[in-house]
C-alpha atoms as a PDB file:
ATOM      1  CA  MET A   1     154.739  90.350 136.905  1.00  0.00           C
ATOM      2  CA  ASP A   2     152.380  90.258 133.985  1.00  0.00           C
ATOM      3  CA  GLU A   3     149.481  92.663 134.070  1.00  0.00           C
ATOM      4  CA  GLY A   4     146.442  91.107 135.704  1.00  0.00           C
ATOM      5  CA  SER A   5     148.378  88.351 137.481  1.00  0.00           C
ATOM      6  CA  LEU A   6     147.083  86.783 140.659  1.00  0.00           C
ATOM      7  CA  ALA A   7     150.012  88.222 142.645  1.00  0.00           C
ATOM      8  CA  GLU A   8     148.780  91.782 142.044  1.00  0.00           C
ATOM      9  CA  LEU A   9     145.599  90.983 143.964  1.00  0.00           C
ATOM     10  CA  LEU A  10     147.572  90.771 147.203  1.00  0.00           C
ATOM     11  CA  ASP A  11     148.721  93.769 149.173  1.00  0.00           C
ATOM     12  CA  TYR A  12     152.475  93.674 149.835  1.00  0.00           C
ATOM     13  CA  GLU A  13     152.176  95.420 153.193  1.00  0.00           C
ATOM     14  CA  TYR A  14     149.567  92.885 154.330  1.00  0.00           C
ATOM     15  CA  CYS A  15     151.766  89.977 153.194  1.00  0.00           C
ATOM     16  CA  ALA A  16     154.794  91.414 154.993  1.00  0.00           C
ATOM     17  CA  GLU A  17     152.863  91.890 158.228  1.00  0.00           C
ATOM     18  CA  LEU A  18     151.359  88.390 157.998  1.00  0.00           C
ATOM     19  CA  PHE A  19     154.810  86.928 157.366  1.00  0.00           C
ATOM     20  CA  ARG A  20     156.286  88.756 160.359  1.00  0.00           C
ATOM     21  CA  GLN A  21     153.451  87.511 162.602  1.00  0.00           C
ATOM     22  CA  MET A  22     153.986  83.936 161.441  1.00  0.00           C
ATOM     23  CA  ARG A  23     157.782  84.173 161.652  1.00  0.00           C
ATOM     24  CA  TRP A  24     157.903  85.682 165.150  1.00  0.00           C
ATOM     25  CA  PRO A  25     154.754  84.455 167.001  1.00  0.00           C
ATOM     26  CA  ASN A  26     156.497  84.692 170.399  1.00  0.00           C
ATOM     27  CA  GLY A  27     158.631  87.741 169.668  1.00  0.00           C
ATOM     28  CA  THR A  28     161.753  88.177 167.581  1.00  0.00           C
ATOM     29  CA  ARG A  29     164.544  85.666 168.203  1.00  0.00           C
ATOM     30  CA  CYS A  30     168.013  85.401 166.736  1.00  0.00           C
ATOM     31  CA  PRO A  31     168.014  82.668 164.057  1.00  0.00           C
ATOM     32  CA  HIS A  32     171.694  81.980 164.801  1.00  0.00           C
ATOM     33  CA  CYS A  33     171.701  81.502 168.597  1.00  0.00           C
ATOM     34  CA  ALA A  34     167.932  81.600 169.454  1.00  0.00           C
ATOM     35  CA  SER A  35     168.428  84.489 171.876  1.00  0.00           C
ATOM     36  CA  ALA A  36     165.395  86.653 172.622  1.00  0.00           C
ATOM     37  CA  ALA A  37     167.618  89.625 173.530  1.00  0.00           C
ATOM     38  CA  VAL A  38     167.625  91.157 170.051  1.00  0.00           C
ATOM     39  CA  GLU A  39     167.533  94.836 169.214  1.00  0.00           C
ATOM     40  CA  GLU A  40     165.878  96.439 166.221  1.00  0.00           C
ATOM     41  CA  PHE A  41     168.681  97.922 164.141  1.00  0.00           C
ATOM     42  CA  CYS A  42     166.999  99.639 161.174  1.00  0.00           C
ATOM     43  CA  GLN A  43     164.278  99.273 158.577  1.00  0.00           C
ATOM     44  CA  TYR A  44     164.926  96.843 155.732  1.00  0.00           C
ATOM     45  CA  GLN A  45     163.161  96.904 152.337  1.00  0.00           C
ATOM     46  CA  GLU A  46     160.371  99.218 153.486  1.00  0.00           C
ATOM     47  CA  TYR A  47     158.243  96.644 155.387  1.00  0.00           C
ATOM     48  CA  PHE A  48     160.881  94.547 157.152  1.00  0.00           C
ATOM     49  CA  TYR A  49     163.401  95.173 159.910  1.00  0.00           C
ATOM     50  CA  ARG A  50     167.053  94.423 160.468  1.00  0.00           C
ATOM     51  CA  TYR A  51     168.092  93.279 163.944  1.00  0.00           C
ATOM     52  CA  THR A  52     171.292  92.865 165.895  1.00  0.00           C
ATOM     53  CA  CYS A  53     171.900  90.201 168.524  1.00  0.00           C
ATOM     54  CA  PRO A  54     174.083  91.256 171.468  1.00  0.00           C
ATOM     55  CA  THR A  55     174.477  87.601 172.502  1.00  0.00           C
ATOM     56  CA  CYS A  56     176.215  86.330 169.351  1.00  0.00           C
ATOM     57  CA  GLY A  57     177.027  89.705 167.769  1.00  0.00           C
ATOM     58  CA  ARG A  58     175.400  88.889 164.422  1.00  0.00           C
ATOM     59  CA  THR A  59     172.828  90.831 162.445  1.00  0.00           C
ATOM     60  CA  PHE A  60     169.820  89.418 160.634  1.00  0.00           C
ATOM     61  CA  ASN A  61     166.545  90.485 159.086  1.00  0.00           C
ATOM     62  CA  ASP A  62     163.015  89.112 159.062  1.00  0.00           C
ATOM     63  CA  LYS A  63     163.737  86.911 156.025  1.00  0.00           C
ATOM     64  CA  THR A  64     166.982  85.360 157.327  1.00  0.00           C
ATOM     65  CA  GLY A  65     166.811  81.566 157.390  1.00  0.00           C
ATOM     66  CA  THR A  66     163.594  81.314 155.356  1.00  0.00           C
ATOM     67  CA  ILE A  67     162.851  80.372 151.762  1.00  0.00           C
ATOM     68  CA  PHE A  68     162.356  84.086 151.061  1.00  0.00           C
ATOM     69  CA  GLU A  69     165.966  84.951 151.928  1.00  0.00           C
ATOM     70  CA  GLN A  70     167.951  86.290 148.930  1.00  0.00           C
ATOM     71  CA  SER A  71     164.904  85.993 146.653  1.00  0.00           C
ATOM     72  CA  LYS A  72     164.314  88.619 143.999  1.00  0.00           C
ATOM     73  CA  LEU A  73     160.634  87.726 143.792  1.00  0.00           C
ATOM     74  CA  PRO A  74     158.248  89.875 145.814  1.00  0.00           C
ATOM     75  CA  LEU A  75     156.626  88.362 148.872  1.00  0.00           C
ATOM     76  CA  THR A  76     153.221  88.544 147.184  1.00  0.00           C
ATOM     77  CA  ALA A  77     154.468  86.217 144.426  1.00  0.00           C
ATOM     78  CA  TRP A  78     155.667  83.760 147.055  1.00  0.00           C
ATOM     79  CA  PHE A  79     152.316  83.856 148.852  1.00  0.00           C
ATOM     80  CA  VAL A  80     150.441  83.212 145.612  1.00  0.00           C
ATOM     81  CA  GLY A  81     152.924  80.428 144.829  1.00  0.00           C
ATOM     82  CA  ILE A  82     152.278  78.822 148.216  1.00  0.00           C
ATOM     83  CA  TYR A  83     148.528  79.067 147.618  1.00  0.00           C
ATOM     84  CA  LEU A  84     148.817  77.487 144.167  1.00  0.00           C
ATOM     85  CA  VAL A  85     151.104  74.672 145.374  1.00  0.00           C
ATOM     86  CA  ALA A  86     148.657  73.921 148.187  1.00  0.00           C
ATOM     87  CA  ARG A  87     145.900  73.739 145.554  1.00  0.00           C
ATOM     88  CA  GLY A  88     147.929  71.186 143.567  1.00  0.00           C
ATOM     89  CA  ARG A  89     148.662  73.391 140.569  1.00  0.00           C
ATOM     90  CA  SER A  90     151.445  72.410 138.189  1.00  0.00           C
ATOM     91  CA  THR A  91     154.741  74.251 137.947  1.00  0.00           C
ATOM     92  CA  GLN A  92     153.812  75.438 134.445  1.00  0.00           C
ATOM     93  CA  THR A  93     150.544  76.905 135.737  1.00  0.00           C
ATOM     94  CA  ILE A  94     152.401  78.664 138.542  1.00  0.00           C
ATOM     95  CA  SER A  95     154.936  79.992 136.043  1.00  0.00           C
ATOM     96  CA  ASP A  96     152.149  81.351 133.839  1.00  0.00           C
ATOM     97  CA  GLU A  97     150.157  82.781 136.734  1.00  0.00           C
ATOM     98  CA  LEU A  98     153.118  84.606 138.282  1.00  0.00           C
ATOM     99  CA  GLY A  99     154.641  85.643 134.973  1.00  0.00           C
ATOM    100  CA  VAL A 100     158.030  84.138 135.818  1.00  0.00           C
ATOM    101  CA  ASP A 101     160.358  81.762 133.999  1.00  0.00           C
ATOM    102  CA  TYR A 102     159.579  78.030 134.322  1.00  0.00           C
ATOM    103  CA  ASN A 103     162.885  77.363 136.124  1.00  0.00           C
ATOM    104  CA  THR A 104     162.097  80.090 138.660  1.00  0.00           C
ATOM    105  CA  ALA A 105     158.680  78.546 139.287  1.00  0.00           C
ATOM    106  CA  LEU A 106     160.278  75.090 139.540  1.00  0.00           C
ATOM    107  CA  ARG A 107     162.761  76.280 142.178  1.00  0.00           C
ATOM    108  CA  MET A 108     159.949  78.008 144.044  1.00  0.00           C
ATOM    109  CA  THR A 109     157.701  74.929 144.055  1.00  0.00           C
ATOM    110  CA  LYS A 110     160.568  72.676 145.183  1.00  0.00           C
ATOM    111  CA  LEU A 111     161.286  74.976 148.132  1.00  0.00           C
ATOM    112  CA  ILE A 112     157.608  75.255 149.065  1.00  0.00           C
ATOM    113  CA  ARG A 113     156.995  71.497 148.804  1.00  0.00           C
ATOM    114  CA  GLY A 114     160.137  70.852 150.855  1.00  0.00           C
ATOM    115  CA  CYS A 115     158.824  73.123 153.612  1.00  0.00           C
ATOM    116  CA  ILE A 116     155.404  71.456 153.545  1.00  0.00           C
ATOM    117  CA  TYR A 117     157.035  68.011 153.772  1.00  0.00           C
ATOM    118  CA  CYS A 118     159.268  69.075 156.687  1.00  0.00           C
ATOM    119  CA  GLN A 119     156.269  70.465 158.575  1.00  0.00           C
ATOM    120  CA  LYS A 120     154.434  67.150 158.171  1.00  0.00           C
ATOM    121  CA  VAL A 121     157.458  65.143 159.333  1.00  0.00           C
ATOM    122  CA  VAL A 122     158.041  67.388 162.349  1.00  0.00           C
ATOM    123  CA  ALA A 123     154.359  67.099 163.300  1.00  0.00           C
ATOM    124  CA  LYS A 124     154.581  63.293 163.205  1.00  0.00           C
ATOM    125  CA  LEU A 125     157.813  63.159 165.201  1.00  0.00           C
ATOM    126  CA  LYS A 126     156.599  65.145 168.224  1.00  0.00           C
ATOM    127  CA  GLY A 127     156.960  63.493 171.593  1.00  0.00           C
ATOM    128  CA  LYS A 128     158.392  59.993 171.990  1.00  0.00           C
ATOM    129  CA  VAL A 129     159.239  58.115 168.800  1.00  0.00           C
ATOM    130  CA  GLU A 130     159.666  54.339 168.910  1.00  0.00           C
ATOM    131  CA  VAL A 131     161.357  52.278 166.243  1.00  0.00           C
ATOM    132  CA  ASP A 132     160.604  48.550 166.285  1.00  0.00           C
ATOM    133  CA  GLU A 133     163.055  47.241 163.712  1.00  0.00           C
ATOM    134  CA  HIS A 134     165.820  48.689 161.670  1.00  0.00           C
ATOM    135  CA  TYR A 135     167.592  47.007 158.766  1.00  0.00           C
ATOM    136  CA  GLN A 136     170.927  48.308 157.649  1.00  0.00           C
ATOM    137  CA  THR A 137     173.020  46.676 154.994  1.00  0.00           C
ATOM    138  CA  ALA A 138     176.673  46.251 155.773  1.00  0.00           C
ATOM    139  CA  GLY A 139     177.963  45.223 152.367  1.00  0.00           C
ATOM    140  CA  GLU A 140     179.690  41.862 152.328  1.00  0.00           C
ATOM    141  CA  LYS A 141     180.517  41.925 156.041  1.00  0.00           C
ATOM    142  CA  GLY A 142     179.846  38.590 157.733  1.00  0.00           C
ATOM    143  CA  LYS A 143     179.390  36.659 154.484  1.00  0.00           C
ATOM    144  CA  LYS A 144     181.700  33.863 153.451  1.00  0.00           C
ATOM    145  CA  LYS A 145     183.828  34.592 150.451  1.00  0.00           C
ATOM    146  CA  PRO A 146     183.034  32.346 147.520  1.00  0.00           C
ATOM    147  CA  THR A 147     185.549  29.590 146.858  1.00  0.00           C
ATOM    148  CA  HIS A 148     186.433  28.771 143.296  1.00  0.00           C
ATOM    149  CA  ALA A 149     186.866  25.123 142.370  1.00  0.00           C
ATOM    150  CA  GLY A 150     189.916  24.346 140.290  1.00  0.00           C
ATOM    151  CA  GLY A 151     191.957  26.910 138.432  1.00  0.00           C
ATOM    152  CA  GLY A 152     194.807  28.201 140.269  1.00  0.00           C
END
């Protein structure tokens, strides 16, 4: 991070706790089998935890299955990125503000926008969904083949 960047204004511990509250609002669940019978295994990266699931036998951490998984960027940078994307800032502005390469900021914004889009779609598709008409092309199926006059 560049000195004086917006990401430094956020407290990492606060971001980690907020993320954990948002990730597990109804208690920790296995992201692989959705079992609630998970056991805390050990601490992971100072503010996160690693869990084991007796149901499926797999281990996971707080970031597993999220856009933050396998990211080298700190959680504070992601939170600032989310804030800036929500404010409609350009990828170049986000790159400058976070002090990261443009391609890193581009990947980050694509992931964030994808999550925002999915949340909007899921919100619209709650309950019963009715489709009135559906058009699907089937290539040349059902069409007469053209006949050529003459020439043989």
